[in-house]
């Protein structure tokens, strides 16, 4: 007999993969849900110009997520929301899986993310 468990659905600001990459604890959120994720990558240009960055991820990307990481794209996962009885799209940071935006129903994530108006991810990024 399987014991009864509470239905689970992550919140905005959670780490979807709980900070685990390839079985190792890589990402931490020491100040709790919705706060900066560590480790952070360098965001400065190289001090000595050599024609290439001295550190990986040294240049800034197009999007700044609530976790503090920069990226040029978003990673989208689909998950069933048992509370609203619908499939949801979880728009996450591609590095640490920080949930930046939850869109219900899932098929609307494209319109919400790439909207020309101040909705969806653009609005959430401006508020963080």
Foldseek 3Di string as FASTA:
>chain_A
DDDDDDDDDDDQQAQPVNCDDPRDRHWDDVVDGLAAIPDEFAQAADPDDPPDGPGPPNHAEDAQASNGHHDPAWDWDWDQDPVVRAIWIFTADPPRRRGQFIDPRHVCQVCQVPPPDCGHNNVSRVVD
